Amino acid sequence: PSEVRTELALGKYYCRCLDQEGHPVMLFRQRRSDHTLCKVLRLRAFAFFLDDVEKKMDSSSAVANTWVLVLDLSGKPLKGSIGIEYLSRVLKMTMRCYPGRLHCCFVVDTSMIWNVFWNAACKILEADTVRKVRFVGRLPDTSKDGRLVVKELLEKVGENALEAEYGGQDPFEWDPERHWLISELMQDPQPAPQE
């Protein structure tokens, strides 16, 4: 992981919790991205991240075998722009190397570039995959003093596990010095609560 440390230290993607059904919740934040870094290293870092989550899924009976992906597209990247070619490579790598792992995907605060990409991607994705993707946004919640909340994420993940930025109670703040080794963020997954 040291060769991709610069990319991992940005905190643009990580997994810290499970949803209420035991699926790992993987976060991607566009506003923490540096698209001027080498594309190959960015892809390697993303593969390292997915492999790490997959390893935890396969080694623990407490973790479901599919993941929840949250693509937070709010804000501008730190540097550069993501580009359709890079998005296409990420999509192809994910489809080829991690088939059947997507439980659902929440696209938060979508942008124009994502809409263009999504319209093109829908033509090559399986209909089942397309149905798993939901476009959502932050909305004021009067029951939470007008805080911005992603209601769908709150329902899926649960208030205690969801980060405050999305309306939950988890006060987690990314620290690049402590958290770049993303493997340590979700060390001991707990079983999903039984109903």
N, C-alpha and C. Protein backbone atom coordinates (compact mmCIF):
# COMPACT_ATOMS: atom_id res chain seq x y z
N PRO A 1 0.80 -1.21 0.00
CA PRO A 1 0.00 0.00 0.00
C PRO A 1 0.84 1.28 0.00
N SER A 2 2.12 1.19 0.31
CA SER A 2 2.92 2.41 0.39
C SER A 2 3.04 3.12 -0.95
N GLU A 3 3.01 2.37 -2.07
CA GLU A 3 3.11 3.03 -3.38
C GLU A 3 1.88 3.86 -3.72
N VAL A 4 0.77 3.57 -3.07
CA VAL A 4 -0.46 4.33 -3.33
C VAL A 4 -0.87 5.17 -2.12
N ARG A 5 0.07 5.39 -1.21
CA ARG A 5 -0.24 6.13 0.01
C ARG A 5 -0.76 7.54 -0.27
N THR A 6 -0.15 8.24 -1.23
CA THR A 6 -0.58 9.61 -1.54
C THR A 6 -2.07 9.63 -1.89
N GLU A 7 -2.49 8.67 -2.71
CA GLU A 7 -3.88 8.58 -3.12
C GLU A 7 -4.78 8.21 -1.94
N LEU A 8 -4.36 7.24 -1.15
CA LEU A 8 -5.17 6.79 -0.01
C LEU A 8 -5.28 7.87 1.07
N ALA A 9 -4.22 8.67 1.25
CA ALA A 9 -4.21 9.70 2.29
C ALA A 9 -5.22 10.81 2.02
N LEU A 10 -5.68 10.94 0.79
CA LEU A 10 -6.67 11.97 0.46
C LEU A 10 -8.01 11.72 1.17
N GLY A 11 -8.28 10.46 1.48
CA GLY A 11 -9.54 10.13 2.13
C GLY A 11 -10.72 10.20 1.19
N LYS A 12 -10.48 10.02 -0.09
CA LYS A 12 -11.59 10.12 -1.02
C LYS A 12 -12.44 8.86 -1.01
N TYR A 13 -11.88 7.74 -0.59
CA TYR A 13 -12.70 6.55 -0.40
C TYR A 13 -12.20 5.74 0.79
N TYR A 14 -13.16 5.20 1.49
CA TYR A 14 -12.88 4.35 2.64
C TYR A 14 -14.16 3.66 3.08
N CYS A 15 -13.99 2.67 3.95
CA CYS A 15 -15.12 1.93 4.49
C CYS A 15 -14.93 1.80 5.98
N ARG A 16 -15.89 2.30 6.76
CA ARG A 16 -15.76 2.26 8.22
C ARG A 16 -16.89 1.51 8.91
N CYS A 17 -18.00 1.27 8.22
CA CYS A 17 -19.13 0.69 8.92
C CYS A 17 -19.92 -0.25 8.02
N LEU A 18 -20.85 -0.92 8.65
CA LEU A 18 -21.79 -1.78 7.94
C LEU A 18 -23.17 -1.14 8.00
N ASP A 19 -23.99 -1.44 7.01
CA ASP A 19 -25.37 -0.95 7.08
C ASP A 19 -26.15 -1.84 8.05
N GLN A 20 -27.43 -1.61 8.17
CA GLN A 20 -28.23 -2.34 9.14
C GLN A 20 -28.40 -3.82 8.80
N GLU A 21 -28.06 -4.19 7.56
CA GLU A 21 -28.15 -5.59 7.14
C GLU A 21 -26.78 -6.26 7.06
N GLY A 22 -25.72 -5.55 7.45
CA GLY A 22 -24.39 -6.13 7.45
C GLY A 22 -23.57 -5.91 6.19
N HIS A 23 -24.04 -5.06 5.28
CA HIS A 23 -23.27 -4.75 4.06
C HIS A 23 -22.25 -3.65 4.37
N PRO A 24 -21.00 -3.82 3.95
CA PRO A 24 -20.03 -2.74 4.11
C PRO A 24 -20.49 -1.49 3.35
N VAL A 25 -20.34 -0.33 3.98
CA VAL A 25 -20.72 0.94 3.35
C VAL A 25 -19.43 1.61 2.90
N MET A 26 -19.24 1.71 1.59
CA MET A 26 -18.03 2.27 1.02
C MET A 26 -18.32 3.69 0.54
N LEU A 27 -17.56 4.64 1.04
CA LEU A 27 -17.74 6.05 0.71
C LEU A 27 -16.71 6.52 -0.30
N PHE A 28 -17.16 7.29 -1.28
CA PHE A 28 -16.29 8.00 -2.21
C PHE A 28 -16.69 9.46 -2.18
N ARG A 29 -15.71 10.34 -1.92
CA ARG A 29 -15.98 11.77 -1.89
C ARG A 29 -15.18 12.47 -2.98
N GLN A 30 -15.90 12.99 -3.96
CA GLN A 30 -15.26 13.66 -5.08
C GLN A 30 -14.41 14.85 -4.64
N ARG A 31 -14.88 15.60 -3.65
CA ARG A 31 -14.18 16.83 -3.27
C ARG A 31 -12.81 16.58 -2.64
N ARG A 32 -12.48 15.33 -2.35
CA ARG A 32 -11.15 14.99 -1.83
C ARG A 32 -10.24 14.42 -2.91
N SER A 33 -10.66 14.44 -4.15
CA SER A 33 -9.90 13.82 -5.25
C SER A 33 -8.85 14.75 -5.83
N ASP A 34 -7.72 14.15 -6.18
CA ASP A 34 -6.67 14.85 -6.91
C ASP A 34 -6.49 14.10 -8.23
N HIS A 35 -7.11 14.62 -9.28
CA HIS A 35 -7.09 13.94 -10.57
C HIS A 35 -5.83 14.24 -11.36
N THR A 36 -4.89 14.95 -10.76
CA THR A 36 -3.61 15.19 -11.43
C THR A 36 -2.62 14.08 -11.11
N LEU A 37 -2.93 13.23 -10.14
CA LEU A 37 -2.05 12.11 -9.82
C LEU A 37 -2.11 11.09 -10.96
N CYS A 38 -1.10 10.28 -11.08
CA CYS A 38 -1.00 9.26 -12.13
C CYS A 38 -2.26 8.38 -12.15
N LYS A 39 -2.86 8.21 -13.34
CA LYS A 39 -4.09 7.41 -13.47
C LYS A 39 -3.88 5.97 -13.03
N VAL A 40 -2.72 5.40 -13.38
CA VAL A 40 -2.44 4.01 -13.02
C VAL A 40 -2.38 3.86 -11.50
N LEU A 41 -1.73 4.79 -10.82
CA LEU A 41 -1.67 4.72 -9.36
C LEU A 41 -3.04 4.94 -8.74
N ARG A 42 -3.85 5.82 -9.33
CA ARG A 42 -5.20 6.02 -8.81
C ARG A 42 -6.02 4.74 -8.95
N LEU A 43 -5.88 4.06 -10.09
CA LEU A 43 -6.60 2.79 -10.29
C LEU A 43 -6.08 1.71 -9.34
N ARG A 44 -4.77 1.67 -9.12
CA ARG A 44 -4.20 0.69 -8.17
C ARG A 44 -4.72 0.94 -6.76
N ALA A 45 -4.79 2.20 -6.37
CA ALA A 45 -5.28 2.53 -5.03
C ALA A 45 -6.74 2.12 -4.89
N PHE A 46 -7.54 2.36 -5.92
CA PHE A 46 -8.95 1.96 -5.88
C PHE A 46 -9.08 0.45 -5.81
N ALA A 47 -8.25 -0.27 -6.58
CA ALA A 47 -8.27 -1.74 -6.53
C ALA A 47 -7.83 -2.23 -5.15
N PHE A 48 -6.82 -1.59 -4.56
CA PHE A 48 -6.38 -1.95 -3.20
C PHE A 48 -7.53 -1.79 -2.23
N PHE A 49 -8.24 -0.69 -2.34
CA PHE A 49 -9.39 -0.41 -1.48
C PHE A 49 -10.46 -1.49 -1.64
N LEU A 50 -10.85 -1.78 -2.88
CA LEU A 50 -11.89 -2.79 -3.11
C LEU A 50 -11.44 -4.17 -2.66
N ASP A 51 -10.17 -4.52 -2.91
CA ASP A 51 -9.64 -5.81 -2.46
C ASP A 51 -9.68 -5.91 -0.94
N ASP A 52 -9.35 -4.82 -0.28
CA ASP A 52 -9.35 -4.80 1.18
C ASP A 52 -10.75 -5.04 1.74
N VAL A 53 -11.73 -4.36 1.18
CA VAL A 53 -13.12 -4.55 1.64
C VAL A 53 -13.57 -5.97 1.31
N GLU A 54 -13.24 -6.45 0.13
CA GLU A 54 -13.63 -7.81 -0.26
C GLU A 54 -13.03 -8.86 0.67
N LYS A 55 -11.78 -8.65 1.07
CA LYS A 55 -11.12 -9.57 1.99
C LYS A 55 -11.86 -9.62 3.33
N LYS A 56 -12.28 -8.47 3.83
CA LYS A 56 -13.05 -8.43 5.09
C LYS A 56 -14.40 -9.12 4.92
N MET A 57 -15.03 -8.92 3.77
CA MET A 57 -16.32 -9.55 3.50
C MET A 57 -16.18 -11.07 3.50
N ASP A 58 -15.12 -11.56 2.88
CA ASP A 58 -14.94 -13.00 2.74
C ASP A 58 -14.45 -13.68 4.02
N SER A 59 -13.85 -12.90 4.93
CA SER A 59 -13.27 -13.51 6.14
C SER A 59 -14.15 -13.40 7.37
N SER A 60 -15.32 -12.78 7.27
CA SER A 60 -16.16 -12.60 8.45
C SER A 60 -17.60 -12.98 8.15
N SER A 61 -18.15 -13.83 9.00
CA SER A 61 -19.56 -14.21 8.83
C SER A 61 -20.49 -13.06 9.21
N ALA A 62 -19.95 -12.04 9.87
CA ALA A 62 -20.76 -10.89 10.28
C ALA A 62 -20.98 -9.90 9.13
N VAL A 63 -20.25 -10.09 8.04
CA VAL A 63 -20.31 -9.15 6.93
C VAL A 63 -20.99 -9.80 5.73
N ALA A 64 -21.96 -9.10 5.14
CA ALA A 64 -22.65 -9.60 3.96
C ALA A 64 -21.68 -9.67 2.78
N ASN A 65 -22.03 -10.42 1.74
CA ASN A 65 -21.11 -10.61 0.62
C ASN A 65 -21.29 -9.58 -0.51
N THR A 66 -22.09 -8.55 -0.27
CA THR A 66 -22.23 -7.45 -1.23
C THR A 66 -22.07 -6.13 -0.48
N TRP A 67 -21.71 -5.09 -1.21
CA TRP A 67 -21.45 -3.80 -0.57
C TRP A 67 -22.42 -2.71 -1.00
N VAL A 68 -22.49 -1.68 -0.15
CA VAL A 68 -23.25 -0.46 -0.45
C VAL A 68 -22.21 0.59 -0.83
N LEU A 69 -22.40 1.19 -1.98
CA LEU A 69 -21.46 2.20 -2.46
C LEU A 69 -22.15 3.57 -2.39
N VAL A 70 -21.47 4.53 -1.77
CA VAL A 70 -21.97 5.91 -1.69
C VAL A 70 -21.01 6.79 -2.49
N LEU A 71 -21.51 7.34 -3.58
CA LEU A 71 -20.72 8.26 -4.40
C LEU A 71 -21.16 9.67 -4.09
N ASP A 72 -20.39 10.37 -3.28
CA ASP A 72 -20.71 11.74 -2.90
C ASP A 72 -20.05 12.68 -3.91
N LEU A 73 -20.86 13.25 -4.78
CA LEU A 73 -20.34 14.09 -5.86
C LEU A 73 -20.42 15.58 -5.56
N SER A 74 -20.66 15.91 -4.31
CA SER A 74 -20.75 17.33 -3.94
C SER A 74 -19.37 17.98 -3.97
N GLY A 75 -19.34 19.23 -4.32
CA GLY A 75 -18.10 20.00 -4.31
C GLY A 75 -17.19 19.71 -5.49
N LYS A 76 -16.14 20.52 -5.60
CA LYS A 76 -15.16 20.35 -6.67
C LYS A 76 -14.00 19.53 -6.14
N PRO A 77 -13.35 18.74 -7.03
CA PRO A 77 -12.16 18.00 -6.61
C PRO A 77 -11.06 18.95 -6.14
N LEU A 78 -10.12 18.44 -5.35
CA LEU A 78 -8.98 19.25 -4.92
C LEU A 78 -8.21 19.78 -6.12
N LYS A 79 -7.96 18.88 -7.09
CA LYS A 79 -7.22 19.27 -8.29
C LYS A 79 -7.76 18.47 -9.49
N GLY A 80 -7.78 19.12 -10.64
CA GLY A 80 -8.15 18.45 -11.87
C GLY A 80 -9.63 18.11 -11.94
N SER A 81 -9.98 17.34 -12.96
CA SER A 81 -11.36 16.85 -13.10
C SER A 81 -11.30 15.37 -13.41
N ILE A 82 -12.34 14.66 -13.05
CA ILE A 82 -12.31 13.20 -13.09
C ILE A 82 -12.19 12.65 -14.51
N GLY A 83 -12.88 13.16 -15.45
CA GLY A 83 -12.78 12.72 -16.84
C GLY A 83 -13.55 11.44 -17.13
N ILE A 84 -14.19 11.42 -18.26
CA ILE A 84 -14.99 10.27 -18.68
C ILE A 84 -14.12 9.03 -18.88
N GLU A 85 -12.92 9.19 -19.42
CA GLU A 85 -12.05 8.04 -19.66
C GLU A 85 -11.70 7.33 -18.35
N TYR A 86 -11.36 8.10 -17.34
CA TYR A 86 -11.02 7.50 -16.05
C TYR A 86 -12.26 6.81 -15.43
N LEU A 87 -13.41 7.48 -15.47
CA LEU A 87 -14.64 6.86 -14.96
C LEU A 87 -14.94 5.56 -15.69
N SER A 88 -14.73 5.54 -16.99
CA SER A 88 -14.96 4.35 -17.78
C SER A 88 -14.03 3.22 -17.35
N ARG A 89 -12.77 3.53 -17.10
CA ARG A 89 -11.81 2.51 -16.66
C ARG A 89 -12.17 1.96 -15.28
N VAL A 90 -12.61 2.84 -14.40
CA VAL A 90 -13.04 2.39 -13.06
C VAL A 90 -14.24 1.46 -13.18
N LEU A 91 -15.21 1.85 -14.00
CA LEU A 91 -16.41 1.04 -14.18
C LEU A 91 -16.05 -0.33 -14.76
N LYS A 92 -15.22 -0.36 -15.79
CA LYS A 92 -14.83 -1.64 -16.40
C LYS A 92 -14.08 -2.52 -15.41
N MET A 93 -13.15 -1.93 -14.66
CA MET A 93 -12.40 -2.70 -13.67
C MET A 93 -13.34 -3.29 -12.62
N THR A 94 -14.28 -2.48 -12.15
CA THR A 94 -15.21 -2.94 -11.12
C THR A 94 -16.09 -4.07 -11.66
N MET A 95 -16.59 -3.92 -12.88
CA MET A 95 -17.45 -4.96 -13.47
C MET A 95 -16.67 -6.25 -13.70
N ARG A 96 -15.43 -6.15 -14.16
CA ARG A 96 -14.63 -7.32 -14.48
C ARG A 96 -14.10 -8.02 -13.23
N CYS A 97 -13.62 -7.26 -12.27
CA CYS A 97 -12.91 -7.84 -11.12
C CYS A 97 -13.79 -8.09 -9.90
N TYR A 98 -14.94 -7.42 -9.82
CA TYR A 98 -15.79 -7.54 -8.63
C TYR A 98 -17.25 -7.78 -9.04
N PRO A 99 -17.50 -8.75 -9.91
CA PRO A 99 -18.88 -8.96 -10.37
C PRO A 99 -19.78 -9.42 -9.23
N GLY A 100 -20.99 -8.92 -9.22
CA GLY A 100 -21.97 -9.35 -8.24
C GLY A 100 -21.76 -8.81 -6.83
N ARG A 101 -20.83 -7.92 -6.62
CA ARG A 101 -20.56 -7.40 -5.28
C ARG A 101 -21.44 -6.20 -4.91
N LEU A 102 -22.06 -5.55 -5.88
CA LEU A 102 -22.85 -4.35 -5.58
C LEU A 102 -24.22 -4.72 -5.04
N HIS A 103 -24.49 -4.29 -3.81
CA HIS A 103 -25.83 -4.45 -3.23
C HIS A 103 -26.70 -3.29 -3.69
N CYS A 104 -26.19 -2.07 -3.51
CA CYS A 104 -26.86 -0.87 -4.01
C CYS A 104 -25.86 0.28 -4.02
N CYS A 105 -26.22 1.32 -4.76
CA CYS A 105 -25.35 2.48 -4.89
C CYS A 105 -26.20 3.73 -4.73
N PHE A 106 -25.72 4.65 -3.89
CA PHE A 106 -26.37 5.94 -3.71
C PHE A 106 -25.45 7.01 -4.31
N VAL A 107 -25.96 7.76 -5.28
CA VAL A 107 -25.20 8.85 -5.88
C VAL A 107 -25.75 10.13 -5.25
N VAL A 108 -24.91 10.78 -4.43
CA VAL A 108 -25.33 11.95 -3.66
C VAL A 108 -24.91 13.24 -4.37
N ASP A 109 -25.87 14.15 -4.53
CA ASP A 109 -25.60 15.48 -5.10
C ASP A 109 -24.87 15.37 -6.44
N THR A 110 -25.53 14.77 -7.40
CA THR A 110 -24.95 14.51 -8.71
C THR A 110 -24.55 15.79 -9.46
N SER A 111 -23.64 15.62 -10.38
CA SER A 111 -23.15 16.74 -11.19
C SER A 111 -23.47 16.48 -12.66
N MET A 112 -23.26 17.49 -13.49
CA MET A 112 -23.54 17.37 -14.92
C MET A 112 -22.68 16.29 -15.57
N ILE A 113 -21.38 16.22 -15.21
CA ILE A 113 -20.50 15.22 -15.82
C ILE A 113 -20.98 13.81 -15.48
N TRP A 114 -21.45 13.63 -14.25
CA TRP A 114 -21.96 12.31 -13.88
C TRP A 114 -23.19 11.95 -14.70
N ASN A 115 -24.10 12.90 -14.92
CA ASN A 115 -25.29 12.63 -15.72
C ASN A 115 -24.93 12.17 -17.12
N VAL A 116 -23.94 12.81 -17.74
CA VAL A 116 -23.48 12.41 -19.08
C VAL A 116 -22.91 10.99 -19.02
N PHE A 117 -22.04 10.76 -18.03
CA PHE A 117 -21.43 9.44 -17.89
C PHE A 117 -22.49 8.38 -17.62
N TRP A 118 -23.43 8.65 -16.74
CA TRP A 118 -24.45 7.66 -16.38
C TRP A 118 -25.31 7.30 -17.59
N ASN A 119 -25.69 8.29 -18.39
CA ASN A 119 -26.48 8.00 -19.59
C ASN A 119 -25.74 7.06 -20.54
N ALA A 120 -24.43 7.25 -20.67
CA ALA A 120 -23.63 6.35 -21.52
C ALA A 120 -23.45 4.99 -20.87
N ALA A 121 -23.20 4.97 -19.57
CA ALA A 121 -22.96 3.72 -18.85
C ALA A 121 -24.19 2.82 -18.84
N CYS A 122 -25.36 3.40 -18.77
CA CYS A 122 -26.59 2.60 -18.74
C CYS A 122 -26.73 1.71 -19.96
N LYS A 123 -26.12 2.11 -21.06
CA LYS A 123 -26.20 1.33 -22.29
C LYS A 123 -25.36 0.06 -22.23
N ILE A 124 -24.32 0.02 -21.39
CA ILE A 124 -23.48 -1.17 -21.32
C ILE A 124 -23.67 -1.96 -20.03
N LEU A 125 -24.32 -1.37 -19.04
CA LEU A 125 -24.55 -2.07 -17.78
C LEU A 125 -25.76 -2.99 -17.87
N GLU A 126 -25.74 -4.04 -17.09
CA GLU A 126 -26.90 -4.93 -17.01
C GLU A 126 -28.04 -4.18 -16.33
N ALA A 127 -29.26 -4.50 -16.73
CA ALA A 127 -30.44 -3.83 -16.19
C ALA A 127 -30.51 -3.99 -14.67
N ASP A 128 -30.09 -5.14 -14.15
CA ASP A 128 -30.11 -5.37 -12.70
C ASP A 128 -29.20 -4.38 -11.98
N THR A 129 -28.04 -4.11 -12.56
CA THR A 129 -27.10 -3.14 -11.97
C THR A 129 -27.69 -1.74 -12.00
N VAL A 130 -28.27 -1.36 -13.12
CA VAL A 130 -28.87 -0.02 -13.25
C VAL A 130 -29.95 0.18 -12.19
N ARG A 131 -30.74 -0.85 -11.91
CA ARG A 131 -31.81 -0.75 -10.90
C ARG A 131 -31.27 -0.56 -9.48
N LYS A 132 -30.03 -0.92 -9.24
CA LYS A 132 -29.44 -0.81 -7.90
C LYS A 132 -28.93 0.60 -7.59
N VAL A 133 -28.93 1.47 -8.58
CA VAL A 133 -28.39 2.82 -8.41
C VAL A 133 -29.52 3.80 -8.13
N ARG A 134 -29.35 4.59 -7.06
CA ARG A 134 -30.34 5.60 -6.68
C ARG A 134 -29.66 6.96 -6.58
N PHE A 135 -30.28 7.95 -7.18
CA PHE A 135 -29.77 9.33 -7.11
C PHE A 135 -30.49 10.03 -5.96
N VAL A 136 -29.70 10.55 -5.02
CA VAL A 136 -30.26 11.16 -3.81
C VAL A 136 -29.55 12.49 -3.56
N GLY A 137 -30.10 13.27 -2.63
CA GLY A 137 -29.48 14.55 -2.30
C GLY A 137 -29.66 14.90 -0.84
N ARG A 138 -28.86 15.85 -0.39
CA ARG A 138 -28.98 16.37 0.96
C ARG A 138 -30.17 17.33 1.01
N LEU A 139 -31.04 17.12 1.98
CA LEU A 139 -32.21 17.98 2.14
C LEU A 139 -32.33 18.40 3.60
N PRO A 140 -32.84 19.59 3.88
CA PRO A 140 -33.04 20.02 5.27
C PRO A 140 -34.06 19.11 5.95
N ASP A 141 -33.77 18.74 7.18
CA ASP A 141 -34.68 17.89 7.95
C ASP A 141 -35.15 18.68 9.17
N THR A 142 -36.44 18.98 9.22
CA THR A 142 -36.98 19.79 10.32
C THR A 142 -36.88 19.07 11.66
N SER A 143 -36.87 17.73 11.64
CA SER A 143 -36.75 17.01 12.91
C SER A 143 -35.32 17.04 13.45
N LYS A 144 -34.37 17.50 12.66
CA LYS A 144 -32.97 17.59 13.08
C LYS A 144 -32.49 19.03 13.02
N ASP A 145 -33.33 19.96 13.42
CA ASP A 145 -32.98 21.38 13.47
C ASP A 145 -32.54 21.93 12.12
N GLY A 146 -33.10 21.41 11.04
CA GLY A 146 -32.78 21.91 9.71
C GLY A 146 -31.46 21.43 9.15
N ARG A 147 -30.78 20.50 9.87
CA ARG A 147 -29.52 19.95 9.34
C ARG A 147 -29.79 19.28 8.00
N LEU A 148 -28.77 19.27 7.15
CA LEU A 148 -28.91 18.57 5.88
C LEU A 148 -28.76 17.07 6.12
N VAL A 149 -29.67 16.32 5.51
CA VAL A 149 -29.74 14.87 5.73
C VAL A 149 -29.95 14.18 4.38
N VAL A 150 -29.31 13.03 4.22
CA VAL A 150 -29.61 12.16 3.09
C VAL A 150 -30.51 11.07 3.66
N LYS A 151 -31.80 11.28 3.54
CA LYS A 151 -32.80 10.42 4.18
C LYS A 151 -32.63 8.94 3.82
N GLU A 152 -32.37 8.68 2.55
CA GLU A 152 -32.24 7.29 2.09
C GLU A 152 -31.04 6.60 2.74
N LEU A 153 -29.94 7.32 2.92
CA LEU A 153 -28.77 6.75 3.60
C LEU A 153 -29.05 6.53 5.08
N LEU A 154 -29.73 7.47 5.69
CA LEU A 154 -30.08 7.35 7.10
C LEU A 154 -30.91 6.09 7.33
N GLU A 155 -31.86 5.84 6.44
CA GLU A 155 -32.69 4.63 6.56
C GLU A 155 -31.90 3.36 6.32
N LYS A 156 -30.99 3.38 5.37
CA LYS A 156 -30.22 2.18 5.00
C LYS A 156 -29.14 1.85 6.01
N VAL A 157 -28.39 2.86 6.45
CA VAL A 157 -27.22 2.65 7.30
C VAL A 157 -27.58 2.70 8.78
N GLY A 158 -28.47 3.60 9.14
CA GLY A 158 -28.81 3.78 10.55
C GLY A 158 -28.11 4.99 11.12
N GLU A 159 -28.77 5.66 12.03
CA GLU A 159 -28.28 6.93 12.57
C GLU A 159 -26.94 6.80 13.29
N ASN A 160 -26.73 5.74 14.06
CA ASN A 160 -25.49 5.61 14.83
C ASN A 160 -24.26 5.37 13.96
N ALA A 161 -24.40 4.63 12.86
CA ALA A 161 -23.26 4.31 12.01
C ALA A 161 -22.99 5.35 10.94
N LEU A 162 -24.00 6.12 10.57
CA LEU A 162 -23.85 7.09 9.48
C LEU A 162 -23.14 8.35 9.97
N GLU A 163 -22.22 8.85 9.15
CA GLU A 163 -21.47 10.06 9.51
C GLU A 163 -22.41 11.27 9.58
N ALA A 164 -22.08 12.19 10.46
CA ALA A 164 -22.90 13.38 10.70
C ALA A 164 -23.14 14.18 9.42
N GLU A 165 -22.20 14.18 8.53
CA GLU A 165 -22.31 14.92 7.27
C GLU A 165 -23.54 14.50 6.46
N TYR A 166 -24.00 13.27 6.68
CA TYR A 166 -25.16 12.75 5.94
C TYR A 166 -26.41 12.67 6.80
N GLY A 167 -26.34 13.17 8.04
CA GLY A 167 -27.49 13.19 8.92
C GLY A 167 -27.43 12.19 10.06
N GLY A 168 -26.33 11.44 10.15
CA GLY A 168 -26.18 10.47 11.23
C GLY A 168 -25.53 11.07 12.47
N GLN A 169 -25.15 10.18 13.40
CA GLN A 169 -24.55 10.62 14.66
C GLN A 169 -23.05 10.38 14.74
N ASP A 170 -22.45 9.73 13.75
CA ASP A 170 -21.02 9.42 13.78
C ASP A 170 -20.21 10.69 13.47
N PRO A 171 -19.39 11.16 14.43
CA PRO A 171 -18.64 12.42 14.24
C PRO A 171 -17.30 12.24 13.52
N PHE A 172 -17.07 11.12 12.86
CA PHE A 172 -15.78 10.82 12.24
C PHE A 172 -15.26 11.97 11.37
N GLU A 173 -13.98 12.27 11.53
CA GLU A 173 -13.28 13.26 10.71
C GLU A 173 -12.03 12.59 10.15
N TRP A 174 -11.82 12.69 8.85
CA TRP A 174 -10.67 12.07 8.19
C TRP A 174 -9.38 12.74 8.63
N ASP A 175 -8.38 11.93 8.98
CA ASP A 175 -7.04 12.40 9.33
C ASP A 175 -6.06 11.66 8.43
N PRO A 176 -5.46 12.34 7.45
CA PRO A 176 -4.60 11.64 6.48
C PRO A 176 -3.40 10.94 7.11
N GLU A 177 -2.89 11.43 8.21
CA GLU A 177 -1.75 10.78 8.85
C GLU A 177 -2.14 9.48 9.55
N ARG A 178 -3.33 9.46 10.14
CA ARG A 178 -3.77 8.28 10.89
C ARG A 178 -4.58 7.30 10.05
N HIS A 179 -5.31 7.79 9.07
CA HIS A 179 -6.29 6.94 8.39
C HIS A 179 -5.90 6.47 6.99
N TRP A 180 -4.74 6.87 6.48
CA TRP A 180 -4.40 6.51 5.10
C TRP A 180 -4.37 5.01 4.91
N LEU A 181 -3.99 4.24 5.92
CA LEU A 181 -4.00 2.78 5.81
C LEU A 181 -5.43 2.33 6.08
N ILE A 182 -6.23 2.39 5.06
CA ILE A 182 -7.68 2.22 5.17
C ILE A 182 -8.10 0.88 5.74
N SER A 183 -7.21 -0.11 5.69
CA SER A 183 -7.54 -1.44 6.21
C SER A 183 -7.91 -1.39 7.69
N GLU A 184 -7.39 -0.43 8.40
CA GLU A 184 -7.60 -0.38 9.85
C GLU A 184 -8.86 0.36 10.27
N LEU A 185 -9.57 0.95 9.33
CA LEU A 185 -10.77 1.72 9.68
C LEU A 185 -11.95 0.84 10.06
N MET A 186 -12.03 -0.36 9.50
CA MET A 186 -13.12 -1.28 9.81
C MET A 186 -12.50 -2.59 10.27
N GLN A 187 -11.99 -2.60 11.50
CA GLN A 187 -11.26 -3.77 11.97
C GLN A 187 -12.14 -4.93 12.39
N ASP A 188 -13.10 -4.68 13.23
CA ASP A 188 -13.91 -5.75 13.79
C ASP A 188 -15.38 -5.55 13.48
N PRO A 189 -15.81 -5.98 12.29
CA PRO A 189 -17.22 -5.79 11.96
C PRO A 189 -18.12 -6.54 12.93
N GLN A 190 -19.19 -5.89 13.32
CA GLN A 190 -20.16 -6.50 14.20
C GLN A 190 -21.32 -7.05 13.37
N PRO A 191 -21.96 -8.14 13.85
CA PRO A 191 -23.10 -8.66 13.10
C PRO A 191 -24.21 -7.64 13.02
N ALA A 192 -24.99 -7.74 11.96
CA ALA A 192 -26.14 -6.86 11.79
C ALA A 192 -27.15 -7.18 12.88
N PRO A 193 -27.84 -6.16 13.41
CA PRO A 193 -28.84 -6.41 14.45
C PRO A 193 -29.98 -7.29 13.94
N GLN A 194 -30.39 -8.21 14.77
CA GLN A 194 -31.49 -9.11 14.40
C GLN A 194 -32.82 -8.46 14.73
N GLU A 195 -33.75 -8.59 13.83
CA GLU A 195 -35.07 -7.99 14.06
C GLU A 195 -36.01 -9.00 14.69
